[in-house]
């Protein structure tokens, strides 16, 4: 073999080696790991180093080569620009795609619209969050049960990975923002803030519009101040899960502080989460001569000044 042939052979070998390295690098950079499935949620913790992230990704079969992945991260922007948080991948990506996402803070999560209706209980909210795939009702109730009455009904946009604690914090902050301007008026009324919220939660379930809310508020506060029982179905439906029409004589005799037929005063806690109109109605009750009310089969409220009138309304509108 002459010198020229030898040089050609060496050049061919070098070219082959370079092509192999380039091919391997391209494969490592742009190919997808077989263990990286669809709809994958990946979490990068705050302060987690690049080497730790690469090792974790490699263990979970998200990437093929920790070295290549770290190299790509440095090319994009360096370790300091890794954005912590949850990243959602609807389709598996290559090391190149993953590195681009985590250095650019491209989380891939779209917020879900969640509408909480006025008067809903935390139990009802938990059912909605479970249906929407956020978390189980059981997990929600662990944190939300003690927040009854103070989670403001509204339309929210939550990321699908938001925790119950975070959602409760957002809803509670919304409640505080809505209620804070009303605090001076509550102080003027000489009523406790907590009592106003409990009353508002009752009013929310006992009336369908603001005018009736104010009238019923006036009746209930007047009965409370006179030492009379509130005798509202809403508190019983809260603990039994039944509708007013389903309540039995046994239910009405139930030994529970939520049974306002048996015990005087307000229930011990709110029985739902009231909206702003119900809270305002609890603060600004309308003074009338009425002491009694009921809802007929047509759902319309019927008011009465005397007990005899109330009995007459029962005969006329409930039978």
C-alpha atoms as a PDB file:
ATOM      1  CA  UNK A   1       0.000   0.000   0.000  1.00  0.00           C
ATOM      2  CA  UNK A   2       1.554   3.295  -1.077  1.00  0.00           C
ATOM      3  CA  UNK A   3       1.542   6.492   0.952  1.00  0.00           C
ATOM      4  CA  UNK A   4      -1.412   7.999  -0.906  1.00  0.00           C
ATOM      5  CA  UNK A   5      -3.563   4.936  -0.340  1.00  0.00           C
ATOM      6  CA  UNK A   6      -2.627   4.992   3.336  1.00  0.00           C
ATOM      7  CA  UNK A   7      -3.653   8.620   3.665  1.00  0.00           C
ATOM      8  CA  UNK A   8      -6.936   7.918   1.911  1.00  0.00           C
ATOM      9  CA  UNK A   9      -7.593   4.991   4.236  1.00  0.00           C
ATOM     10  CA  UNK A  10      -6.847   7.087   7.327  1.00  0.00           C
ATOM     11  CA  UNK A  11      -9.061   9.887   6.027  1.00  0.00           C
ATOM     12  CA  UNK A  12     -11.884   7.425   5.404  1.00  0.00           C
ATOM     13  CA  UNK A  13     -11.524   6.003   8.893  1.00  0.00           C
ATOM     14  CA  UNK A  14     -11.468   9.480  10.416  1.00  0.00           C
ATOM     15  CA  UNK A  15     -14.493  10.503   8.381  1.00  0.00           C
ATOM     16  CA  UNK A  16     -16.319   7.376   9.469  1.00  0.00           C
ATOM     17  CA  UNK A  17     -15.452   8.049  13.092  1.00  0.00           C
ATOM     18  CA  UNK A  18     -16.643  11.645  12.823  1.00  0.00           C
ATOM     19  CA  UNK A  19     -19.860  10.560  11.141  1.00  0.00           C
ATOM     20  CA  UNK A  20     -20.382   7.953  13.846  1.00  0.00           C
ATOM     21  CA  UNK A  21     -19.883  10.538  16.583  1.00  0.00           C
ATOM     22  CA  UNK A  22     -22.206  12.969  14.807  1.00  0.00           C
ATOM     23  CA  UNK A  23     -24.826  10.266  14.304  1.00  0.00           C
ATOM     24  CA  UNK A  24     -24.567   9.146  17.912  1.00  0.00           C
ATOM     25  CA  UNK A  25     -24.786  12.728  19.143  1.00  0.00           C
ATOM     26  CA  UNK A  26     -27.776  13.433  16.912  1.00  0.00           C
ATOM     27  CA  UNK A  27     -29.420  10.226  18.100  1.00  0.00           C
ATOM     28  CA  UNK A  28     -28.818  11.169  21.745  1.00  0.00           C
ATOM     29  CA  UNK A  29     -30.021  14.717  21.199  1.00  0.00           C
ATOM     30  CA  UNK A  30     -33.087  14.206  19.024  1.00  0.00           C
ATOM     31  CA  UNK A  31     -34.341  10.675  19.728  1.00  0.00           C
ATOM     32  CA  UNK A  32     -37.004   9.978  22.341  1.00  0.00           C
ATOM     33  CA  UNK A  33     -36.459   7.603  25.249  1.00  0.00           C
ATOM     34  CA  UNK A  34     -38.657   4.508  25.034  1.00  0.00           C
ATOM     35  CA  UNK A  35     -39.663   4.971  28.688  1.00  0.00           C
ATOM     36  CA  UNK A  36     -41.056   8.457  28.146  1.00  0.00           C
ATOM     37  CA  UNK A  37     -44.814   7.978  27.704  1.00  0.00           C
ATOM     38  CA  UNK A  38     -47.659  10.325  26.871  1.00  0.00           C
ATOM     39  CA  UNK A  39     -49.300  12.714  29.339  1.00  0.00           C
ATOM     40  CA  UNK A  40     -46.310  12.771  31.651  1.00  0.00           C
ATOM     41  CA  UNK A  41     -46.000  15.254  34.527  1.00  0.00           C
ATOM     42  CA  UNK A  42     -42.403  16.025  35.496  1.00  0.00           C
ATOM     43  CA  UNK A  43     -41.503  18.031  38.597  1.00  0.00           C
ATOM     44  CA  UNK A  44     -38.324  20.053  39.071  1.00  0.00           C
ATOM     45  CA  UNK A  45     -37.937  21.167  42.668  1.00  0.00           C
ATOM     46  CA  UNK A  46     -36.783  24.634  43.628  1.00  0.00           C
ATOM     47  CA  UNK A  47     -32.988  24.715  44.036  1.00  0.00           C
ATOM     48  CA  UNK A  48     -32.464  21.280  42.467  1.00  0.00           C
ATOM     49  CA  UNK A  49     -29.115  21.102  40.638  1.00  0.00           C
ATOM     50  CA  UNK A  50     -28.646  20.116  37.012  1.00  0.00           C
ATOM     51  CA  UNK A  51     -26.734  16.920  37.831  1.00  0.00           C
ATOM     52  CA  UNK A  52     -29.518  15.802  40.172  1.00  0.00           C
ATOM     53  CA  UNK A  53     -32.184  16.631  37.576  1.00  0.00           C
ATOM     54  CA  UNK A  54     -30.310  14.744  34.851  1.00  0.00           C
ATOM     55  CA  UNK A  55     -29.820  11.723  37.124  1.00  0.00           C
ATOM     56  CA  UNK A  56     -33.511  11.688  38.058  1.00  0.00           C
ATOM     57  CA  UNK A  57     -34.575  11.963  34.416  1.00  0.00           C
ATOM     58  CA  UNK A  58     -32.236   9.133  33.474  1.00  0.00           C
ATOM     59  CA  UNK A  59     -33.563   6.883  36.263  1.00  0.00           C
ATOM     60  CA  UNK A  60     -37.130   7.551  35.134  1.00  0.00           C
ATOM     61  CA  UNK A  61     -36.217   6.778  31.482  1.00  0.00           C
ATOM     62  CA  UNK A  62     -37.083  10.299  30.402  1.00  0.00           C
ATOM     63  CA  UNK A  63     -33.678  10.842  28.774  1.00  0.00           C
ATOM     64  CA  UNK A  64     -31.047   8.479  27.379  1.00  0.00           C
ATOM     65  CA  UNK A  65     -27.855  10.307  28.320  1.00  0.00           C
ATOM     66  CA  UNK A  66     -27.391  12.572  31.357  1.00  0.00           C
ATOM     67  CA  UNK A  67     -24.211  13.973  29.765  1.00  0.00           C
ATOM     68  CA  UNK A  68     -25.944  14.983  26.531  1.00  0.00           C
ATOM     69  CA  UNK A  69     -28.873  16.443  28.461  1.00  0.00           C
ATOM     70  CA  UNK A  70     -26.598  18.576  30.665  1.00  0.00           C
ATOM     71  CA  UNK A  71     -24.661  19.713  27.598  1.00  0.00           C
ATOM     72  CA  UNK A  72     -27.894  20.835  25.929  1.00  0.00           C
ATOM     73  CA  UNK A  73     -29.039  22.734  29.018  1.00  0.00           C
ATOM     74  CA  UNK A  74     -25.740  24.644  29.064  1.00  0.00           C
ATOM     75  CA  UNK A  75     -26.084  25.414  25.361  1.00  0.00           C
ATOM     76  CA  UNK A  76     -29.581  26.837  25.831  1.00  0.00           C
ATOM     77  CA  UNK A  77     -28.888  29.100  28.802  1.00  0.00           C
ATOM     78  CA  UNK A  78     -26.946  27.413  31.551  1.00  0.00           C
ATOM     79  CA  UNK A  79     -27.919  25.739  34.801  1.00  0.00           C
ATOM     80  CA  UNK A  80     -28.987  28.965  36.515  1.00  0.00           C
ATOM     81  CA  UNK A  81     -31.861  29.450  34.093  1.00  0.00           C
ATOM     82  CA  UNK A  82     -33.607  26.156  34.831  1.00  0.00           C
ATOM     83  CA  UNK A  83     -37.172  26.993  35.857  1.00  0.00           C
ATOM     84  CA  UNK A  84     -38.507  24.948  38.789  1.00  0.00           C
ATOM     85  CA  UNK A  85     -42.088  23.696  38.700  1.00  0.00           C
ATOM     86  CA  UNK A  86     -44.345  21.107  37.111  1.00  0.00           C
ATOM     87  CA  UNK A  87     -43.996  20.377  33.402  1.00  0.00           C
ATOM     88  CA  UNK A  88     -46.697  18.563  31.495  1.00  0.00           C
ATOM     89  CA  UNK A  89     -45.811  16.621  28.338  1.00  0.00           C
ATOM     90  CA  UNK A  90     -48.775  15.416  26.297  1.00  0.00           C
ATOM     91  CA  UNK A  91     -46.281  13.740  23.937  1.00  0.00           C
ATOM     92  CA  UNK A  92     -42.784  12.392  24.717  1.00  0.00           C
ATOM     93  CA  UNK A  93     -39.919  14.705  23.742  1.00  0.00           C
ATOM     94  CA  UNK A  94     -36.232  14.269  23.000  1.00  0.00           C
ATOM     95  CA  UNK A  95     -33.481  15.537  25.294  1.00  0.00           C
ATOM     96  CA  UNK A  96     -33.309  18.599  23.042  1.00  0.00           C
ATOM     97  CA  UNK A  97     -37.020  19.312  23.495  1.00  0.00           C
ATOM     98  CA  UNK A  98     -36.947  18.746  27.256  1.00  0.00           C
ATOM     99  CA  UNK A  99     -33.908  21.001  27.720  1.00  0.00           C
ATOM    100  CA  UNK A 100     -35.597  23.749  25.719  1.00  0.00           C
ATOM    101  CA  UNK A 101     -38.756  23.479  27.825  1.00  0.00           C
ATOM    102  CA  UNK A 102     -37.121  23.571  31.271  1.00  0.00           C
ATOM    103  CA  UNK A 103     -34.764  26.441  30.419  1.00  0.00           C
ATOM    104  CA  UNK A 104     -37.580  28.453  28.882  1.00  0.00           C
ATOM    105  CA  UNK A 105     -40.143  27.770  31.601  1.00  0.00           C
ATOM    106  CA  UNK A 106     -42.525  26.251  29.054  1.00  0.00           C
ATOM    107  CA  UNK A 107     -44.655  24.284  31.511  1.00  0.00           C
ATOM    108  CA  UNK A 108     -47.246  23.005  29.060  1.00  0.00           C
ATOM    109  CA  UNK A 109     -50.088  23.321  31.560  1.00  0.00           C
ATOM    110  CA  UNK A 110     -53.358  25.005  30.598  1.00  0.00           C
ATOM    111  CA  UNK A 111     -55.642  26.314  33.351  1.00  0.00           C
ATOM    112  CA  UNK A 112     -59.043  24.688  33.800  1.00  0.00           C
ATOM    113  CA  UNK A 113     -62.132  26.862  34.222  1.00  0.00           C
ATOM    114  CA  UNK A 114     -63.866  25.999  37.510  1.00  0.00           C
ATOM    115  CA  UNK A 115     -67.209  27.594  38.421  1.00  0.00           C
ATOM    116  CA  UNK A 116     -68.280  27.369  42.061  1.00  0.00           C
ATOM    117  CA  UNK A 117     -71.956  28.227  42.513  1.00  0.00           C
ATOM    118  CA  UNK A 118     -73.285  30.421  45.311  1.00  0.00           C
ATOM    119  CA  UNK A 119     -74.351  28.384  48.310  1.00  0.00           C
ATOM    120  CA  UNK A 120     -72.339  25.302  47.414  1.00  0.00           C
ATOM    121  CA  UNK A 121     -70.893  23.335  50.301  1.00  0.00           C
ATOM    122  CA  UNK A 122     -67.255  22.266  50.415  1.00  0.00           C
ATOM    123  CA  UNK A 123     -68.536  18.709  49.847  1.00  0.00           C
ATOM    124  CA  UNK A 124     -70.111  19.778  46.554  1.00  0.00           C
ATOM    125  CA  UNK A 125     -66.913  21.574  45.573  1.00  0.00           C
ATOM    126  CA  UNK A 126     -64.912  18.428  46.277  1.00  0.00           C
ATOM    127  CA  UNK A 127     -67.164  16.466  43.945  1.00  0.00           C
ATOM    128  CA  UNK A 128     -66.534  18.952  41.148  1.00  0.00           C
ATOM    129  CA  UNK A 129     -62.757  18.937  41.615  1.00  0.00           C
ATOM    130  CA  UNK A 130     -62.778  15.137  41.592  1.00  0.00           C
ATOM    131  CA  UNK A 131     -64.883  15.086  38.409  1.00  0.00           C
ATOM    132  CA  UNK A 132     -62.493  17.520  36.718  1.00  0.00           C
ATOM    133  CA  UNK A 133     -59.528  15.342  37.641  1.00  0.00           C
ATOM    134  CA  UNK A 134     -57.780  17.651  40.103  1.00  0.00           C
ATOM    135  CA  UNK A 135     -57.775  15.348  43.134  1.00  0.00           C
ATOM    136  CA  UNK A 136     -60.166  13.168  45.112  1.00  0.00           C
ATOM    137  CA  UNK A 137     -63.013  14.571  47.166  1.00  0.00           C
ATOM    138  CA  UNK A 138     -61.461  12.853  50.182  1.00  0.00           C
ATOM    139  CA  UNK A 139     -58.176  14.732  49.738  1.00  0.00           C
ATOM    140  CA  UNK A 140     -60.081  17.999  49.310  1.00  0.00           C
ATOM    141  CA  UNK A 141     -62.181  17.489  52.444  1.00  0.00           C
ATOM    142  CA  UNK A 142     -59.073  16.932  54.575  1.00  0.00           C
ATOM    143  CA  UNK A 143     -58.275  20.624  54.131  1.00  0.00           C
ATOM    144  CA  UNK A 144     -61.594  22.234  53.158  1.00  0.00           C
ATOM    145  CA  UNK A 145     -64.000  20.974  55.810  1.00  0.00           C
ATOM    146  CA  UNK A 146     -62.998  23.629  58.340  1.00  0.00           C
ATOM    147  CA  UNK A 147     -63.256  26.365  55.680  1.00  0.00           C
ATOM    148  CA  UNK A 148     -67.015  26.041  55.140  1.00  0.00           C
ATOM    149  CA  UNK A 149     -68.525  29.459  54.547  1.00  0.00           C
ATOM    150  CA  UNK A 150     -65.285  31.227  53.674  1.00  0.00           C
ATOM    151  CA  UNK A 151     -64.511  29.911  50.171  1.00  0.00           C
ATOM    152  CA  UNK A 152     -65.962  32.493  47.844  1.00  0.00           C
ATOM    153  CA  UNK A 153     -68.189  31.194  45.029  1.00  0.00           C
ATOM    154  CA  UNK A 154     -66.839  32.469  41.738  1.00  0.00           C
ATOM    155  CA  UNK A 155     -65.331  31.381  38.427  1.00  0.00           C
ATOM    156  CA  UNK A 156     -61.679  30.433  38.799  1.00  0.00           C
ATOM    157  CA  UNK A 157     -58.923  29.201  36.509  1.00  0.00           C
ATOM    158  CA  UNK A 158     -56.715  26.583  38.147  1.00  0.00           C
ATOM    159  CA  UNK A 159     -53.815  24.613  36.721  1.00  0.00           C
ATOM    160  CA  UNK A 160     -54.642  20.875  36.814  1.00  0.00           C
ATOM    161  CA  UNK A 161     -51.757  20.175  39.207  1.00  0.00           C
ATOM    162  CA  UNK A 162     -52.872  22.748  41.799  1.00  0.00           C
ATOM    163  CA  UNK A 163     -53.093  21.309  45.320  1.00  0.00           C
ATOM    164  CA  UNK A 164     -56.181  21.538  47.568  1.00  0.00           C
ATOM    165  CA  UNK A 165     -54.262  23.835  49.940  1.00  0.00           C
ATOM    166  CA  UNK A 166     -53.383  26.220  47.108  1.00  0.00           C
ATOM    167  CA  UNK A 167     -56.958  26.337  45.795  1.00  0.00           C
ATOM    168  CA  UNK A 168     -58.327  26.930  49.288  1.00  0.00           C
ATOM    169  CA  UNK A 169     -55.854  29.782  49.745  1.00  0.00           C
ATOM    170  CA  UNK A 170     -56.945  31.420  46.486  1.00  0.00           C
ATOM    171  CA  UNK A 171     -60.650  31.061  47.297  1.00  0.00           C
ATOM    172  CA  UNK A 172     -60.163  32.274  50.864  1.00  0.00           C
ATOM    173  CA  UNK A 173     -58.207  35.304  49.639  1.00  0.00           C
ATOM    174  CA  UNK A 174     -61.051  36.060  47.236  1.00  0.00           C
ATOM    175  CA  UNK A 175     -63.541  35.856  50.102  1.00  0.00           C
ATOM    176  CA  UNK A 176     -61.428  38.220  52.219  1.00  0.00           C
ATOM    177  CA  UNK A 177     -61.111  40.688  49.342  1.00  0.00           C
ATOM    178  CA  UNK A 178     -64.893  40.703  48.815  1.00  0.00           C
ATOM    179  CA  UNK A 179     -65.801  40.819  52.519  1.00  0.00           C
ATOM    180  CA  UNK A 180     -63.209  43.335  53.756  1.00  0.00           C
ATOM    181  CA  UNK A 181     -65.030  46.449  52.444  1.00  0.00           C
ATOM    182  CA  UNK A 182     -68.115  45.321  54.382  1.00  0.00           C
ATOM    183  CA  UNK A 183     -66.370  44.969  57.758  1.00  0.00           C
ATOM    184  CA  UNK A 184     -67.149  48.545  58.937  1.00  0.00           C
ATOM    185  CA  UNK A 185     -70.856  47.935  58.286  1.00  0.00           C
ATOM    186  CA  UNK A 186     -70.728  44.649  60.188  1.00  0.00           C
ATOM    187  CA  UNK A 187     -69.143  46.462  63.132  1.00  0.00           C
ATOM    188  CA  UNK A 188     -71.914  49.058  63.020  1.00  0.00           C
ATOM    189  CA  UNK A 189     -74.496  46.273  63.203  1.00  0.00           C
ATOM    190  CA  UNK A 190     -72.850  45.032  66.423  1.00  0.00           C
ATOM    191  CA  UNK A 191     -72.963  41.506  65.121  1.00  0.00           C
ATOM    192  CA  UNK A 192     -70.046  39.102  65.046  1.00  0.00           C
ATOM    193  CA  UNK A 193     -68.490  38.587  61.643  1.00  0.00           C
ATOM    194  CA  UNK A 194     -68.798  34.803  62.034  1.00  0.00           C
ATOM    195  CA  UNK A 195     -72.517  35.108  62.844  1.00  0.00           C
ATOM    196  CA  UNK A 196     -73.043  37.210  59.725  1.00  0.00           C
ATOM    197  CA  UNK A 197     -71.367  34.539  57.590  1.00  0.00           C
ATOM    198  CA  UNK A 198     -73.494  31.780  59.146  1.00  0.00           C
ATOM    199  CA  UNK A 199     -76.649  33.820  58.588  1.00  0.00           C
ATOM    200  CA  UNK A 200     -75.606  34.589  55.008  1.00  0.00           C
ATOM    201  CA  UNK A 201     -75.109  30.877  54.336  1.00  0.00           C
ATOM    202  CA  UNK A 202     -78.679  30.226  55.512  1.00  0.00           C
ATOM    203  CA  UNK A 203     -80.131  33.124  53.527  1.00  0.00           C
ATOM    204  CA  UNK A 204     -78.338  31.902  50.399  1.00  0.00           C
ATOM    205  CA  UNK A 205     -80.301  28.651  50.562  1.00  0.00           C
ATOM    206  CA  UNK A 206     -83.579  30.145  51.730  1.00  0.00           C
ATOM    207  CA  UNK A 207     -84.033  32.812  49.037  1.00  0.00           C
ATOM    208  CA  UNK A 208     -83.575  33.052  45.288  1.00  0.00           C
ATOM    209  CA  UNK A 209     -83.089  36.801  44.762  1.00  0.00           C
ATOM    210  CA  UNK A 210     -81.683  39.775  46.628  1.00  0.00           C
ATOM    211  CA  UNK A 211     -85.045  41.298  47.596  1.00  0.00           C
ATOM    212  CA  UNK A 212     -86.234  38.077  49.210  1.00  0.00           C
ATOM    213  CA  UNK A 213     -82.809  37.592  50.801  1.00  0.00           C
ATOM    214  CA  UNK A 214     -83.167  40.930  52.589  1.00  0.00           C
ATOM    215  CA  UNK A 215     -86.723  40.171  53.751  1.00  0.00           C
ATOM    216  CA  UNK A 216     -85.810  36.694  55.011  1.00  0.00           C
ATOM    217  CA  UNK A 217     -82.710  38.141  56.663  1.00  0.00           C
ATOM    218  CA  UNK A 218     -84.936  40.569  58.557  1.00  0.00           C
ATOM    219  CA  UNK A 219     -87.247  37.750  59.664  1.00  0.00           C
ATOM    220  CA  UNK A 220     -84.441  35.470  60.833  1.00  0.00           C
ATOM    221  CA  UNK A 221     -82.495  38.132  62.735  1.00  0.00           C
ATOM    222  CA  UNK A 222     -85.754  39.259  64.381  1.00  0.00           C
ATOM    223  CA  UNK A 223     -86.603  35.700  65.426  1.00  0.00           C
ATOM    224  CA  UNK A 224     -83.072  35.203  66.726  1.00  0.00           C
ATOM    225  CA  UNK A 225     -83.173  38.380  68.800  1.00  0.00           C
ATOM    226  CA  UNK A 226     -86.598  37.425  70.175  1.00  0.00           C
ATOM    227  CA  UNK A 227     -85.270  34.052  71.334  1.00  0.00           C
ATOM    228  CA  UNK A 228     -87.370  32.115  68.833  1.00  0.00           C
ATOM    229  CA  UNK A 229     -86.162  29.115  66.891  1.00  0.00           C
ATOM    230  CA  UNK A 230     -85.103  29.870  63.333  1.00  0.00           C
ATOM    231  CA  UNK A 231     -86.854  26.718  62.063  1.00  0.00           C
ATOM    232  CA  UNK A 232     -85.093  26.628  58.704  1.00  0.00           C
ATOM    233  CA  UNK A 233     -84.986  23.491  56.578  1.00  0.00           C
ATOM    234  CA  UNK A 234     -81.650  24.473  55.034  1.00  0.00           C
ATOM    235  CA  UNK A 235     -79.655  23.610  58.148  1.00  0.00           C
ATOM    236  CA  UNK A 236     -81.212  20.144  58.287  1.00  0.00           C
ATOM    237  CA  UNK A 237     -80.672  19.485  54.606  1.00  0.00           C
ATOM    238  CA  UNK A 238     -77.013  20.397  55.171  1.00  0.00           C
ATOM    239  CA  UNK A 239     -76.425  17.555  57.624  1.00  0.00           C
ATOM    240  CA  UNK A 240     -78.835  14.992  56.176  1.00  0.00           C
ATOM    241  CA  UNK A 241     -78.106  15.508  52.493  1.00  0.00           C
ATOM    242  CA  UNK A 242     -81.850  15.476  51.815  1.00  0.00           C
ATOM    243  CA  UNK A 243     -83.969  18.094  50.099  1.00  0.00           C
ATOM    244  CA  UNK A 244     -86.612  19.994  52.074  1.00  0.00           C
ATOM    245  CA  UNK A 245     -89.331  17.826  50.525  1.00  0.00           C
ATOM    246  CA  UNK A 246     -87.552  14.671  51.724  1.00  0.00           C
ATOM    247  CA  UNK A 247     -87.280  15.706  55.383  1.00  0.00           C
ATOM    248  CA  UNK A 248     -89.294  13.513  57.745  1.00  0.00           C
ATOM    249  CA  UNK A 249     -90.741  13.997  61.212  1.00  0.00           C
ATOM    250  CA  UNK A 250     -87.787  11.996  62.491  1.00  0.00           C
ATOM    251  CA  UNK A 251     -85.402  14.439  60.827  1.00  0.00           C
ATOM    252  CA  UNK A 252     -87.218  17.381  62.400  1.00  0.00           C
ATOM    253  CA  UNK A 253     -86.726  15.782  65.826  1.00  0.00           C
ATOM    254  CA  UNK A 254     -83.035  15.035  65.235  1.00  0.00           C
ATOM    255  CA  UNK A 255     -80.783  15.885  68.164  1.00  0.00           C
ATOM    256  CA  UNK A 256     -78.265  18.104  66.414  1.00  0.00           C
ATOM    257  CA  UNK A 257     -77.110  21.705  66.882  1.00  0.00           C
ATOM    258  CA  UNK A 258     -77.925  22.133  63.190  1.00  0.00           C
ATOM    259  CA  UNK A 259     -81.578  21.347  63.919  1.00  0.00           C
ATOM    260  CA  UNK A 260     -82.991  24.841  64.297  1.00  0.00           C
ATOM    261  CA  UNK A 261     -86.433  23.368  64.938  1.00  0.00           C
ATOM    262  CA  UNK A 262     -85.118  21.794  68.134  1.00  0.00           C
ATOM    263  CA  UNK A 263     -82.421  24.273  69.176  1.00  0.00           C
ATOM    264  CA  UNK A 264     -82.518  28.054  69.269  1.00  0.00           C
ATOM    265  CA  UNK A 265     -79.771  30.208  67.864  1.00  0.00           C
ATOM    266  CA  UNK A 266     -77.631  29.886  64.774  1.00  0.00           C
ATOM    267  CA  UNK A 267     -76.099  26.601  63.618  1.00  0.00           C
ATOM    268  CA  UNK A 268     -72.514  26.159  64.883  1.00  0.00           C
ATOM    269  CA  UNK A 269     -70.964  26.707  61.433  1.00  0.00           C
ATOM    270  CA  UNK A 270     -71.967  28.048  58.032  1.00  0.00           C
ATOM    271  CA  UNK A 271     -74.030  25.574  56.001  1.00  0.00           C
ATOM    272  CA  UNK A 272     -72.568  26.567  52.659  1.00  0.00           C
ATOM    273  CA  UNK A 273     -70.490  29.260  51.017  1.00  0.00           C
ATOM    274  CA  UNK A 274     -72.549  32.402  50.468  1.00  0.00           C
ATOM    275  CA  UNK A 275     -72.206  34.870  47.638  1.00  0.00           C
ATOM    276  CA  UNK A 276     -71.891  38.614  48.013  1.00  0.00           C
ATOM    277  CA  UNK A 277     -75.635  39.358  47.822  1.00  0.00           C
ATOM    278  CA  UNK A 278     -76.392  36.942  50.661  1.00  0.00           C
ATOM    279  CA  UNK A 279     -73.632  38.487  52.780  1.00  0.00           C
ATOM    280  CA  UNK A 280     -74.996  41.961  52.080  1.00  0.00           C
ATOM    281  CA  UNK A 281     -78.514  40.794  52.921  1.00  0.00           C
ATOM    282  CA  UNK A 282     -77.245  39.460  56.255  1.00  0.00           C
ATOM    283  CA  UNK A 283     -75.687  42.868  56.969  1.00  0.00           C
ATOM    284  CA  UNK A 284     -78.617  44.951  55.699  1.00  0.00           C
ATOM    285  CA  UNK A 285     -81.803  43.072  56.702  1.00  0.00           C
ATOM    286  CA  UNK A 286     -85.080  44.595  55.591  1.00  0.00           C
ATOM    287  CA  UNK A 287     -87.366  45.512  58.448  1.00  0.00           C
ATOM    288  CA  UNK A 288     -90.899  44.239  57.947  1.00  0.00           C
ATOM    289  CA  UNK A 289     -93.828  43.134  60.071  1.00  0.00           C
ATOM    290  CA  UNK A 290     -93.281  39.514  58.991  1.00  0.00           C
ATOM    291  CA  UNK A 291     -92.291  36.786  61.438  1.00  0.00           C
ATOM    292  CA  UNK A 292     -92.849  33.737  59.262  1.00  0.00           C
ATOM    293  CA  UNK A 293     -92.254  32.574  55.710  1.00  0.00           C
ATOM    294  CA  UNK A 294     -92.432  29.431  53.613  1.00  0.00           C
ATOM    295  CA  UNK A 295     -91.811  28.407  50.042  1.00  0.00           C
ATOM    296  CA  UNK A 296     -94.817  27.024  48.222  1.00  0.00           C
ATOM    297  CA  UNK A 297     -94.783  24.233  45.695  1.00  0.00           C
ATOM    298  CA  UNK A 298     -94.178  26.922  43.080  1.00  0.00           C
ATOM    299  CA  UNK A 299     -90.981  27.841  45.002  1.00  0.00           C
ATOM    300  CA  UNK A 300     -92.293  31.360  45.627  1.00  0.00           C
ATOM    301  CA  UNK A 301     -91.904  32.742  49.188  1.00  0.00           C
ATOM    302  CA  UNK A 302     -95.080  33.397  51.187  1.00  0.00           C
ATOM    303  CA  UNK A 303     -94.740  35.738  54.151  1.00  0.00           C
ATOM    304  CA  UNK A 304     -96.923  35.996  57.245  1.00  0.00           C
ATOM    305  CA  UNK A 305     -97.178  38.352  60.205  1.00  0.00           C
ATOM    306  CA  UNK A 306     -98.973  35.979  62.564  1.00  0.00           C
ATOM    307  CA  UNK A 307     -98.680  32.273  63.171  1.00  0.00           C
ATOM    308  CA  UNK A 308    -102.301  31.870  62.100  1.00  0.00           C
ATOM    309  CA  UNK A 309    -101.497  33.439  58.731  1.00  0.00           C
ATOM    310  CA  UNK A 310     -98.496  31.148  58.427  1.00  0.00           C
ATOM    311  CA  UNK A 311    -100.682  28.083  59.044  1.00  0.00           C
ATOM    312  CA  UNK A 312    -103.115  29.368  56.443  1.00  0.00           C
ATOM    313  CA  UNK A 313    -100.245  29.732  53.947  1.00  0.00           C
ATOM    314  CA  UNK A 314     -99.203  26.146  54.655  1.00  0.00           C
ATOM    315  CA  UNK A 315    -102.682  24.919  53.815  1.00  0.00           C
ATOM    316  CA  UNK A 316    -102.881  27.038  50.681  1.00  0.00           C
ATOM    317  CA  UNK A 317     -99.418  26.559  49.204  1.00  0.00           C
ATOM    318  CA  UNK A 318     -97.993  23.304  50.546  1.00  0.00           C
ATOM    319  CA  UNK A 319    -100.880  20.922  49.904  1.00  0.00           C
END
